[in-house]
N, C-alpha and C. Protein backbone atom coordinates (compact mmCIF):
# COMPACT_ATOMS: atom_id res chain seq x y z
N UNK A 1 -84.57 -2.43 -62.68
CA UNK A 1 -83.24 -2.62 -62.23
C UNK A 1 -83.05 -4.04 -61.61
N UNK A 2 -84.19 -4.23 -60.66
CA UNK A 2 -84.29 -5.30 -60.11
C UNK A 2 -84.06 -6.61 -60.78
N UNK A 3 -85.28 -6.15 -62.08
CA UNK A 3 -85.24 -7.56 -62.96
C UNK A 3 -83.79 -7.89 -63.65
N UNK A 4 -83.02 -6.37 -63.52
CA UNK A 4 -81.90 -6.98 -64.73
C UNK A 4 -81.46 -7.59 -63.64
N UNK A 5 -81.19 -7.10 -62.30
CA UNK A 5 -80.20 -8.09 -61.17
C UNK A 5 -80.35 -9.33 -60.85
N UNK A 6 -81.70 -9.75 -61.34
CA UNK A 6 -82.08 -10.99 -61.13
C UNK A 6 -82.05 -12.27 -62.07
N UNK A 7 -82.15 -11.29 -63.49
CA UNK A 7 -81.98 -12.01 -64.87
C UNK A 7 -79.88 -12.31 -64.61
N UNK A 8 -79.29 -11.12 -64.54
CA UNK A 8 -78.00 -11.46 -64.36
C UNK A 8 -77.69 -12.72 -63.10
N UNK A 9 -78.22 -13.06 -61.80
CA UNK A 9 -78.27 -14.04 -61.69
C UNK A 9 -78.58 -15.31 -61.43
N UNK A 10 -79.88 -15.25 -62.50
CA UNK A 10 -80.52 -16.86 -62.93
C UNK A 10 -79.37 -16.97 -64.10
N UNK A 11 -78.79 -16.40 -64.55
CA UNK A 11 -78.04 -16.71 -65.63
C UNK A 11 -76.38 -17.25 -65.35
N UNK A 12 -76.15 -16.18 -64.06
CA UNK A 12 -74.87 -17.14 -63.31
C UNK A 12 -75.00 -18.45 -63.19
N UNK A 13 -76.43 -18.89 -61.91
CA UNK A 13 -76.38 -19.71 -61.63
C UNK A 13 -76.75 -20.82 -62.47
N UNK A 14 -77.13 -20.66 -63.47
CA UNK A 14 -77.79 -21.57 -64.75
C UNK A 14 -75.96 -21.57 -65.50
N UNK A 15 -75.15 -21.35 -65.35
CA UNK A 15 -73.87 -21.55 -66.04
C UNK A 15 -73.40 -23.05 -65.81
N UNK A 16 -72.51 -23.33 -66.41
CA UNK A 16 -71.39 -24.52 -66.85
C UNK A 16 -70.66 -24.41 -65.66
N UNK A 17 -70.39 -25.19 -65.02
CA UNK A 17 -68.86 -25.20 -63.82
C UNK A 17 -68.16 -26.01 -64.18
N UNK A 18 -68.16 -26.64 -65.56
CA UNK A 18 -66.89 -27.09 -65.98
C UNK A 18 -65.31 -26.22 -66.37
N UNK A 19 -64.62 -27.26 -65.77
CA UNK A 19 -63.02 -26.22 -65.77
C UNK A 19 -61.89 -27.52 -66.08
N UNK A 20 -61.03 -26.90 -66.08
CA UNK A 20 -60.01 -27.36 -66.39
C UNK A 20 -59.11 -27.74 -65.15
N UNK A 21 -58.43 -28.74 -64.83
CA UNK A 21 -57.41 -28.98 -63.43
C UNK A 21 -56.32 -29.46 -63.87
N UNK A 22 -54.92 -28.38 -63.43
CA UNK A 22 -53.64 -28.97 -63.47
C UNK A 22 -52.91 -29.16 -62.95
N UNK A 23 -52.52 -30.33 -62.85
CA UNK A 23 -51.77 -31.10 -61.91
C UNK A 23 -50.08 -30.36 -61.92
N UNK A 24 -49.85 -29.35 -61.15
CA UNK A 24 -48.58 -29.03 -60.84
C UNK A 24 -47.60 -29.63 -59.44
N UNK A 25 -48.08 -30.49 -59.31
CA UNK A 25 -47.63 -30.85 -57.05
C UNK A 25 -46.09 -31.60 -57.67
N UNK A 26 -46.33 -32.51 -58.54
CA UNK A 26 -44.87 -33.03 -58.64
C UNK A 26 -45.41 -34.34 -58.02
N UNK A 27 -46.70 -35.23 -58.42
CA UNK A 27 -47.26 -36.41 -57.51
C UNK A 27 -48.30 -36.55 -57.91
N UNK A 28 -48.65 -37.50 -58.79
CA UNK A 28 -49.52 -38.46 -59.14
C UNK A 28 -51.06 -38.00 -58.34
N UNK A 29 -52.22 -37.57 -59.21
CA UNK A 29 -53.22 -37.67 -58.43
C UNK A 29 -54.44 -38.95 -58.79
N UNK A 30 -54.70 -39.42 -57.75
CA UNK A 30 -55.44 -40.76 -58.00
C UNK A 30 -57.23 -40.12 -57.99
N UNK A 31 -57.79 -39.00 -57.65
CA UNK A 31 -58.69 -38.62 -57.64
C UNK A 31 -59.56 -37.20 -57.43
N UNK A 32 -60.62 -36.83 -58.19
CA UNK A 32 -60.98 -35.62 -57.85
C UNK A 32 -61.88 -35.41 -57.25
N UNK A 33 -62.91 -34.69 -56.52
CA UNK A 33 -64.33 -34.43 -56.14
C UNK A 33 -64.61 -33.39 -56.16
N UNK A 34 -66.12 -32.76 -56.86
CA UNK A 34 -66.48 -31.88 -56.51
C UNK A 34 -67.45 -31.70 -56.15
N UNK A 35 -68.44 -31.07 -54.91
CA UNK A 35 -69.43 -31.30 -54.58
C UNK A 35 -69.80 -29.47 -54.39
N UNK A 36 -71.46 -29.22 -54.17
CA UNK A 36 -71.80 -27.74 -53.73
C UNK A 36 -70.85 -27.34 -52.69
N UNK A 37 -71.02 -26.19 -52.29
CA UNK A 37 -70.33 -26.08 -51.32
C UNK A 37 -70.51 -26.33 -49.66
N UNK A 38 -69.64 -27.22 -49.22
CA UNK A 38 -69.57 -27.37 -48.04
C UNK A 38 -70.72 -28.33 -47.62
N UNK A 39 -71.12 -28.89 -48.94
CA UNK A 39 -72.22 -30.46 -48.84
C UNK A 39 -71.63 -31.31 -47.82
N UNK A 40 -72.52 -32.34 -47.59
CA UNK A 40 -72.04 -33.45 -46.58
C UNK A 40 -71.37 -34.44 -46.95
N UNK A 41 -71.29 -34.64 -48.76
CA UNK A 41 -71.19 -35.87 -48.93
C UNK A 41 -70.01 -35.69 -50.45
N UNK A 42 -69.17 -36.41 -50.68
CA UNK A 42 -67.96 -35.74 -51.93
C UNK A 42 -68.76 -36.11 -53.61
N UNK A 43 -69.69 -37.88 -53.10
CA UNK A 43 -69.81 -38.52 -54.07
C UNK A 43 -68.51 -39.02 -55.03
N UNK A 44 -68.97 -38.76 -56.36
CA UNK A 44 -68.16 -40.09 -57.40
C UNK A 44 -66.79 -38.84 -57.52
N UNK A 45 -65.86 -39.80 -57.88
CA UNK A 45 -64.44 -39.36 -58.55
C UNK A 45 -65.21 -39.08 -60.08
N UNK A 46 -65.08 -37.42 -60.01
CA UNK A 46 -65.28 -36.40 -60.84
C UNK A 46 -64.20 -36.75 -62.66
N UNK A 47 -62.89 -36.86 -61.81
CA UNK A 47 -61.67 -37.44 -63.15
C UNK A 47 -61.99 -37.60 -64.51
N UNK A 48 -63.10 -38.60 -64.14
CA UNK A 48 -63.19 -39.18 -65.83
C UNK A 48 -62.00 -40.64 -66.35
N UNK A 49 -61.18 -40.37 -65.16
CA UNK A 49 -59.67 -41.25 -65.73
C UNK A 49 -58.88 -41.92 -64.41
N UNK A 50 -58.06 -42.96 -65.16
CA UNK A 50 -57.21 -43.47 -64.18
C UNK A 50 -56.89 -43.00 -62.85
N UNK A 51 -55.81 -41.55 -63.56
CA UNK A 51 -55.05 -40.79 -62.92
C UNK A 51 -54.73 -39.82 -63.41
N UNK A 52 -54.09 -38.73 -62.34
CA UNK A 52 -53.73 -37.25 -63.36
C UNK A 52 -52.11 -37.17 -62.87
N UNK A 53 -50.99 -37.43 -63.95
CA UNK A 53 -49.74 -37.56 -63.48
C UNK A 53 -49.31 -35.75 -62.99
N UNK A 54 -48.45 -35.48 -62.69
CA UNK A 54 -47.76 -33.97 -62.96
C UNK A 54 -47.32 -33.76 -64.07
N UNK A 55 -47.84 -32.42 -64.24
CA UNK A 55 -47.34 -31.93 -65.37
C UNK A 55 -48.69 -31.84 -66.23
N UNK A 56 -49.53 -32.74 -66.12
CA UNK A 56 -50.69 -32.96 -66.94
C UNK A 56 -52.52 -32.51 -66.40
N UNK A 57 -52.95 -32.14 -67.09
CA UNK A 57 -54.47 -31.70 -67.20
C UNK A 57 -55.47 -32.64 -67.00
N UNK A 58 -56.78 -32.17 -67.02
CA UNK A 58 -57.50 -32.82 -67.28
C UNK A 58 -59.03 -31.99 -67.17
N UNK A 59 -60.08 -32.14 -68.43
CA UNK A 59 -60.62 -31.05 -68.04
C UNK A 59 -62.16 -31.69 -67.59
N UNK A 60 -62.89 -30.90 -66.51
CA UNK A 60 -64.09 -31.94 -66.04
C UNK A 60 -64.96 -31.15 -65.92
N UNK A 61 -65.70 -31.96 -67.09
CA UNK A 61 -67.18 -31.50 -67.28
C UNK A 61 -68.43 -32.39 -66.39
N UNK A 62 -69.22 -31.91 -66.13
CA UNK A 62 -70.17 -32.47 -64.92
C UNK A 62 -71.78 -31.75 -64.98
N UNK A 63 -72.40 -32.15 -64.73
CA UNK A 63 -73.55 -31.70 -65.01
C UNK A 63 -74.38 -31.74 -63.27
N UNK A 64 -74.74 -30.41 -62.90
CA UNK A 64 -75.60 -30.72 -61.43
C UNK A 64 -76.44 -30.20 -61.50
N UNK A 65 -77.69 -30.50 -61.12
CA UNK A 65 -78.77 -29.73 -60.57
C UNK A 65 -78.91 -28.78 -59.78
N UNK A 66 -77.83 -28.77 -59.12
CA UNK A 66 -77.82 -27.52 -57.97
C UNK A 66 -77.19 -26.32 -58.67
N UNK A 67 -78.50 -25.43 -58.22
CA UNK A 67 -78.30 -23.82 -58.97
C UNK A 67 -77.38 -22.72 -58.37
N UNK A 68 -75.94 -23.42 -58.13
CA UNK A 68 -74.80 -22.76 -56.69
C UNK A 68 -73.66 -22.42 -57.92
N UNK A 69 -72.93 -21.57 -57.52
CA UNK A 69 -71.87 -21.23 -58.09
C UNK A 69 -70.52 -21.44 -57.13
N UNK A 70 -71.36 -21.76 -56.12
CA UNK A 70 -69.85 -22.32 -54.96
C UNK A 70 -69.62 -23.74 -55.20
N UNK A 71 -68.25 -24.36 -55.36
CA UNK A 71 -68.11 -25.43 -55.44
C UNK A 71 -66.89 -25.25 -54.22
N UNK A 72 -67.03 -26.89 -53.53
CA UNK A 72 -65.51 -27.25 -53.09
C UNK A 72 -65.14 -28.36 -53.98
N UNK A 73 -63.50 -28.50 -53.93
CA UNK A 73 -62.80 -29.23 -54.54
C UNK A 73 -62.14 -30.18 -53.71
N UNK A 74 -61.62 -31.34 -53.87
CA UNK A 74 -60.97 -32.26 -53.19
C UNK A 74 -60.05 -33.02 -54.31
N UNK A 75 -58.97 -32.94 -54.15
CA UNK A 75 -57.96 -33.67 -54.29
C UNK A 75 -57.23 -34.96 -54.04
N UNK A 76 -56.98 -36.21 -54.08
CA UNK A 76 -56.51 -37.44 -53.39
C UNK A 76 -55.50 -38.00 -53.94
N UNK A 77 -54.01 -37.74 -53.63
CA UNK A 77 -52.56 -38.11 -53.71
C UNK A 77 -52.60 -39.56 -54.17
N UNK A 78 -52.35 -39.93 -54.88
CA UNK A 78 -51.89 -41.49 -55.12
C UNK A 78 -50.92 -41.82 -54.14
N UNK A 79 -49.88 -41.34 -54.48
CA UNK A 79 -48.96 -41.85 -53.14
C UNK A 79 -49.32 -42.31 -51.72
N UNK A 80 -49.94 -41.55 -50.96
CA UNK A 80 -50.15 -41.73 -50.10
C UNK A 80 -51.59 -41.74 -49.25
N UNK A 81 -52.65 -41.32 -50.50
CA UNK A 81 -53.93 -41.42 -50.03
C UNK A 81 -54.15 -40.08 -48.96
N UNK A 82 -53.19 -39.09 -49.21
CA UNK A 82 -53.56 -38.09 -48.45
C UNK A 82 -54.62 -37.01 -49.33
N UNK A 83 -55.34 -36.42 -49.26
CA UNK A 83 -55.75 -35.26 -49.60
C UNK A 83 -55.75 -33.43 -49.08
N UNK A 84 -56.04 -32.81 -50.06
CA UNK A 84 -56.24 -31.14 -49.94
C UNK A 84 -57.67 -30.95 -50.59
N UNK A 85 -58.08 -29.64 -50.17
CA UNK A 85 -59.40 -29.28 -49.92
C UNK A 85 -59.57 -28.05 -50.20
N UNK A 86 -60.23 -27.13 -50.99
CA UNK A 86 -60.80 -25.97 -51.27
C UNK A 86 -62.02 -25.68 -51.04
N UNK A 87 -62.45 -24.25 -50.19
CA UNK A 87 -64.01 -24.77 -50.58
C UNK A 87 -64.02 -23.12 -50.76
N UNK A 88 -65.84 -23.34 -51.71
CA UNK A 88 -66.47 -21.82 -51.98
C UNK A 88 -65.72 -21.21 -53.04
N UNK A 89 -65.44 -22.34 -54.00
CA UNK A 89 -64.92 -22.27 -55.50
C UNK A 89 -65.80 -21.70 -56.69
N UNK A 90 -66.03 -20.50 -56.89
CA UNK A 90 -66.72 -20.17 -57.78
C UNK A 90 -66.73 -20.31 -58.82
N UNK A 91 -67.21 -21.60 -59.78
CA UNK A 91 -67.29 -22.12 -60.85
C UNK A 91 -67.71 -21.22 -61.74
N UNK A 92 -68.50 -20.60 -61.24
CA UNK A 92 -68.94 -19.80 -62.75
C UNK A 92 -68.22 -19.00 -63.82
N UNK A 93 -67.36 -18.61 -62.93
CA UNK A 93 -66.27 -17.35 -62.95
C UNK A 93 -65.00 -18.38 -63.23
N UNK A 94 -64.57 -19.47 -62.62
CA UNK A 94 -63.68 -19.98 -62.53
C UNK A 94 -63.44 -20.98 -64.19
N UNK A 95 -62.56 -21.01 -64.98
CA UNK A 95 -62.45 -22.32 -65.97
C UNK A 95 -60.72 -23.07 -65.62
N UNK A 96 -60.38 -22.22 -65.43
CA UNK A 96 -58.78 -23.48 -65.12
C UNK A 96 -58.63 -23.22 -63.22
N UNK A 97 -58.15 -24.28 -63.06
CA UNK A 97 -57.67 -24.27 -61.58
C UNK A 97 -56.33 -25.06 -61.64
N UNK A 98 -55.53 -24.53 -61.07
CA UNK A 98 -53.88 -25.08 -61.22
C UNK A 98 -53.85 -24.95 -59.41
N UNK A 99 -53.24 -26.96 -59.28
CA UNK A 99 -52.80 -26.96 -57.95
C UNK A 99 -51.24 -27.41 -58.07
N UNK A 100 -50.77 -26.77 -56.82
CA UNK A 100 -48.99 -27.31 -56.75
C UNK A 100 -48.81 -27.55 -55.48
N UNK A 101 -47.60 -28.28 -54.76
CA UNK A 101 -47.48 -29.05 -53.72
C UNK A 101 -46.11 -28.15 -53.59
N UNK A 102 -46.24 -27.29 -52.22
CA UNK A 102 -44.91 -27.06 -51.53
C UNK A 102 -44.24 -28.13 -50.70
N UNK A 103 -43.27 -28.65 -50.71
CA UNK A 103 -42.57 -29.67 -50.06
C UNK A 103 -42.05 -28.97 -48.50
N UNK A 104 -41.55 -27.67 -48.55
CA UNK A 104 -40.68 -27.19 -47.35
C UNK A 104 -42.21 -26.88 -46.22
N UNK A 105 -43.77 -26.34 -46.88
CA UNK A 105 -44.66 -26.15 -45.67
C UNK A 105 -45.32 -27.44 -45.63
N UNK A 106 -45.29 -28.31 -46.74
CA UNK A 106 -46.12 -29.44 -46.66
C UNK A 106 -47.90 -29.43 -46.73
N UNK A 107 -48.14 -28.53 -48.32
CA UNK A 107 -48.87 -27.39 -48.11
C UNK A 107 -49.50 -27.64 -49.40
N UNK A 108 -50.73 -27.83 -50.45
CA UNK A 108 -50.47 -27.44 -51.44
C UNK A 108 -51.97 -26.76 -51.79
N UNK A 109 -51.63 -25.79 -52.49
CA UNK A 109 -51.73 -24.81 -52.96
C UNK A 109 -52.75 -24.45 -54.46
N UNK A 110 -54.19 -23.77 -54.58
CA UNK A 110 -54.69 -23.50 -56.19
C UNK A 110 -54.85 -22.16 -56.49
N UNK A 111 -54.33 -22.32 -57.14
CA UNK A 111 -54.73 -21.06 -58.05
C UNK A 111 -56.03 -21.13 -58.93
N UNK A 112 -56.47 -19.90 -59.38
CA UNK A 112 -57.63 -20.03 -59.83
C UNK A 112 -57.71 -18.67 -61.74
N UNK A 113 -58.11 -19.04 -62.54
CA UNK A 113 -58.03 -18.36 -63.98
C UNK A 113 -59.56 -18.58 -63.98
């Protein structure tokens, strides 16, 4: 039983963390950053293109040496360089992230599939 549980955990840790990001905020995104959960630095923009317009999506594919499923996500808006951040997203089980902005609450939210 222990060996079986260990093998499952090892496979999950080696899974690809690629995902599709869907922008339904009403605004253009300038950059997207993904880092291991609660890392000290964001690194480079991982979007692979200049910007992501409202209603558009991008498949984000990256290789990481870290053996973790928990990742943080940061998006930066083009209009005013403000940002939104989410922590501890399980990218071993999430393949699509849709973000939305609510003008009434001034909050950007994310849903995961």
